[in-house]
N, C-alpha and C. Protein backbone atom coordinates (compact mmCIF):
# COMPACT_ATOMS: atom_id res chain seq x y z
N UNK A 1 12.77 77.88 140.57
CA UNK A 1 13.37 79.04 139.93
C UNK A 1 12.89 80.31 140.65
N UNK A 2 13.84 81.16 140.96
CA UNK A 2 13.51 82.40 141.65
C UNK A 2 13.04 83.46 140.65
N UNK A 3 12.10 84.24 141.09
CA UNK A 3 11.61 85.33 140.26
C UNK A 3 12.67 86.42 140.20
N UNK A 4 12.65 87.26 139.17
CA UNK A 4 13.64 88.35 139.06
C UNK A 4 13.68 89.24 140.31
N UNK A 5 12.52 89.46 140.91
CA UNK A 5 12.47 90.27 142.13
C UNK A 5 13.25 89.60 143.25
N UNK A 6 13.07 88.29 143.39
CA UNK A 6 13.79 87.54 144.43
C UNK A 6 15.29 87.53 144.16
N UNK A 7 15.67 87.42 142.90
CA UNK A 7 17.09 87.45 142.54
C UNK A 7 17.69 88.80 142.90
N UNK A 8 16.95 89.86 142.61
CA UNK A 8 17.44 91.21 142.94
C UNK A 8 17.57 91.38 144.45
N UNK A 9 16.59 90.87 145.20
CA UNK A 9 16.68 90.94 146.66
C UNK A 9 17.89 90.17 147.19
N UNK A 10 18.15 89.01 146.61
CA UNK A 10 19.32 88.22 147.02
C UNK A 10 20.61 88.97 146.70
N UNK A 11 20.66 89.61 145.54
CA UNK A 11 21.84 90.38 145.15
C UNK A 11 22.04 91.56 146.11
N UNK A 12 20.97 92.22 146.44
CA UNK A 12 21.07 93.35 147.38
C UNK A 12 21.50 92.85 148.76
N UNK A 13 20.94 91.74 149.20
CA UNK A 13 21.30 91.19 150.50
C UNK A 13 22.79 90.81 150.53
N UNK A 14 23.29 90.26 149.44
CA UNK A 14 24.71 89.91 149.36
C UNK A 14 25.58 91.16 149.44
N UNK A 15 25.16 92.22 148.75
CA UNK A 15 25.93 93.47 148.77
C UNK A 15 25.91 94.11 150.15
N UNK A 16 24.74 94.05 150.82
CA UNK A 16 24.64 94.60 152.17
C UNK A 16 25.53 93.81 153.12
N UNK A 17 25.54 92.49 152.98
CA UNK A 17 26.39 91.65 153.83
C UNK A 17 27.87 91.97 153.59
N UNK A 18 28.25 92.16 152.32
CA UNK A 18 29.64 92.49 152.01
C UNK A 18 29.99 93.86 152.58
N UNK A 19 29.07 94.80 152.49
CA UNK A 19 29.30 96.13 153.04
C UNK A 19 29.44 96.07 154.56
N UNK A 20 28.62 95.26 155.20
CA UNK A 20 28.71 95.11 156.66
C UNK A 20 30.06 94.52 157.05
N UNK A 21 30.55 93.55 156.29
CA UNK A 21 31.87 92.98 156.58
C UNK A 21 32.97 94.02 156.40
N UNK A 22 32.85 94.83 155.35
CA UNK A 22 33.83 95.88 155.11
C UNK A 22 33.82 96.91 156.24
N UNK A 23 32.64 97.32 156.67
CA UNK A 23 32.53 98.29 157.77
C UNK A 23 33.17 97.71 159.03
N UNK A 24 32.90 96.46 159.33
CA UNK A 24 33.48 95.82 160.50
C UNK A 24 35.00 95.78 160.40
N UNK A 25 35.49 95.42 159.21
CA UNK A 25 36.93 95.35 158.99
C UNK A 25 37.58 96.73 159.14
N UNK A 26 36.94 97.76 158.57
CA UNK A 26 37.49 99.11 158.66
C UNK A 26 37.45 99.64 160.09
N UNK A 27 36.41 99.32 160.84
CA UNK A 27 36.35 99.72 162.24
C UNK A 27 37.46 99.08 163.04
N UNK A 28 37.70 97.80 162.78
CA UNK A 28 38.77 97.09 163.48
C UNK A 28 40.13 97.69 163.13
N UNK A 29 40.35 97.96 161.86
CA UNK A 29 41.60 98.57 161.43
C UNK A 29 41.76 99.96 162.04
N UNK A 30 40.69 100.73 162.08
CA UNK A 30 40.72 102.07 162.66
C UNK A 30 41.08 102.01 164.15
N UNK A 31 40.50 101.05 164.86
CA UNK A 31 40.80 100.88 166.28
C UNK A 31 42.29 100.55 166.47
N UNK A 32 42.80 99.66 165.65
CA UNK A 32 44.22 99.29 165.74
C UNK A 32 45.11 100.48 165.42
N UNK A 33 44.73 101.27 164.43
CA UNK A 33 45.52 102.45 164.08
C UNK A 33 45.50 103.48 165.19
N UNK A 34 44.35 103.66 165.84
CA UNK A 34 44.28 104.59 166.97
C UNK A 34 45.19 104.12 168.11
N UNK A 35 45.20 102.83 168.37
CA UNK A 35 46.09 102.29 169.40
C UNK A 35 47.56 102.52 169.04
N UNK A 36 47.89 102.32 167.77
CA UNK A 36 49.27 102.53 167.33
C UNK A 36 49.66 104.00 167.44
N UNK A 37 48.75 104.89 167.08
CA UNK A 37 49.03 106.33 167.20
C UNK A 37 49.24 106.70 168.66
N UNK A 38 48.37 106.19 169.53
CA UNK A 38 48.52 106.47 170.97
C UNK A 38 49.89 106.00 171.46
N UNK A 39 50.31 104.82 171.03
CA UNK A 39 51.61 104.29 171.44
C UNK A 39 52.74 105.18 170.93
N UNK A 40 52.66 105.57 169.67
CA UNK A 40 53.72 106.42 169.10
C UNK A 40 53.76 107.78 169.78
N UNK A 41 52.61 108.32 170.10
CA UNK A 41 52.59 109.60 170.81
C UNK A 41 53.24 109.48 172.18
N UNK A 42 52.99 108.36 172.86
CA UNK A 42 53.65 108.11 174.14
C UNK A 42 55.15 107.98 173.98
N UNK A 43 55.56 107.25 172.94
CA UNK A 43 56.99 107.10 172.66
C UNK A 43 57.62 108.47 172.38
N UNK A 44 56.93 109.28 171.58
CA UNK A 44 57.46 110.61 171.25
C UNK A 44 57.58 111.49 172.49
N UNK A 45 56.59 111.43 173.39
CA UNK A 45 56.67 112.22 174.63
C UNK A 45 57.88 111.78 175.45
N UNK A 46 58.09 110.48 175.56
CA UNK A 46 59.22 109.96 176.33
C UNK A 46 60.55 110.40 175.69
N UNK A 47 60.65 110.29 174.37
CA UNK A 47 61.87 110.70 173.69
C UNK A 47 62.10 112.20 173.83
N UNK A 48 61.03 112.99 173.76
CA UNK A 48 61.17 114.44 173.93
C UNK A 48 61.67 114.76 175.34
N UNK A 49 61.16 114.07 176.34
CA UNK A 49 61.63 114.28 177.72
C UNK A 49 63.10 113.92 177.85
N UNK A 50 63.49 112.80 177.25
CA UNK A 50 64.89 112.39 177.31
C UNK A 50 65.79 113.39 176.61
N UNK A 51 65.34 113.89 175.46
CA UNK A 51 66.12 114.89 174.73
C UNK A 51 66.22 116.19 175.53
N UNK A 52 65.12 116.62 176.13
CA UNK A 52 65.14 117.83 176.96
C UNK A 52 66.09 117.66 178.14
N UNK A 53 66.07 116.50 178.77
CA UNK A 53 66.99 116.24 179.89
C UNK A 53 68.44 116.25 179.42
N UNK A 54 68.71 115.66 178.26
CA UNK A 54 70.08 115.66 177.74
C UNK A 54 70.53 117.08 177.42
N UNK A 55 69.64 117.90 176.86
CA UNK A 55 69.97 119.30 176.57
C UNK A 55 70.27 120.07 177.86
N UNK A 56 69.47 119.83 178.89
CA UNK A 56 69.70 120.49 180.18
C UNK A 56 71.06 120.09 180.75
N UNK A 57 71.38 118.80 180.69
CA UNK A 57 72.68 118.35 181.21
C UNK A 57 73.83 118.95 180.41
N UNK A 58 73.67 119.02 179.09
CA UNK A 58 74.70 119.59 178.24
C UNK A 58 74.89 121.08 178.55
N UNK A 59 73.79 121.79 178.71
CA UNK A 59 73.89 123.22 179.05
C UNK A 59 74.58 123.41 180.40
N UNK A 60 74.30 122.53 181.34
CA UNK A 60 74.96 122.61 182.65
C UNK A 60 76.46 122.37 182.51
N UNK A 61 76.84 121.36 181.72
CA UNK A 61 78.26 121.09 181.51
C UNK A 61 78.96 122.25 180.82
N UNK A 62 78.31 122.83 179.83
CA UNK A 62 78.91 123.96 179.11
C UNK A 62 79.08 125.14 180.06
N UNK A 63 78.10 125.38 180.91
CA UNK A 63 78.18 126.50 181.85
C UNK A 63 79.31 126.30 182.85
N UNK A 64 79.66 125.05 183.15
CA UNK A 64 80.72 124.76 184.13
C UNK A 64 82.11 124.76 183.50
N UNK A 65 82.17 124.84 182.18
CA UNK A 65 83.49 124.83 181.52
C UNK A 65 84.21 126.15 181.78
N UNK A 66 85.51 126.07 181.94
CA UNK A 66 86.29 127.32 182.10
C UNK A 66 86.16 128.19 180.84
N UNK A 67 86.20 129.48 181.02
CA UNK A 67 86.04 130.43 179.92
C UNK A 67 87.22 130.42 178.95
N UNK A 68 88.41 130.05 179.40
CA UNK A 68 89.60 130.16 178.56
C UNK A 68 89.83 128.95 177.65
N UNK A 69 88.88 128.07 177.52
CA UNK A 69 89.06 126.92 176.62
C UNK A 69 88.68 127.22 175.22
């Protein structure tokens, strides 16, 4: 039979182990989220470039249109 002090130490050790698992899990999730954000930011930059290019082409076409239309 374990003494109350030993039981308390075991309970604390279990809580510390659970906390360590949670920290590890949250770090892993945070890393994955950072990677996802980086990917989305790259996607957004590419889409912004494509949109800017489309706007430039459209402005060029409009400028080339005859005035009497």
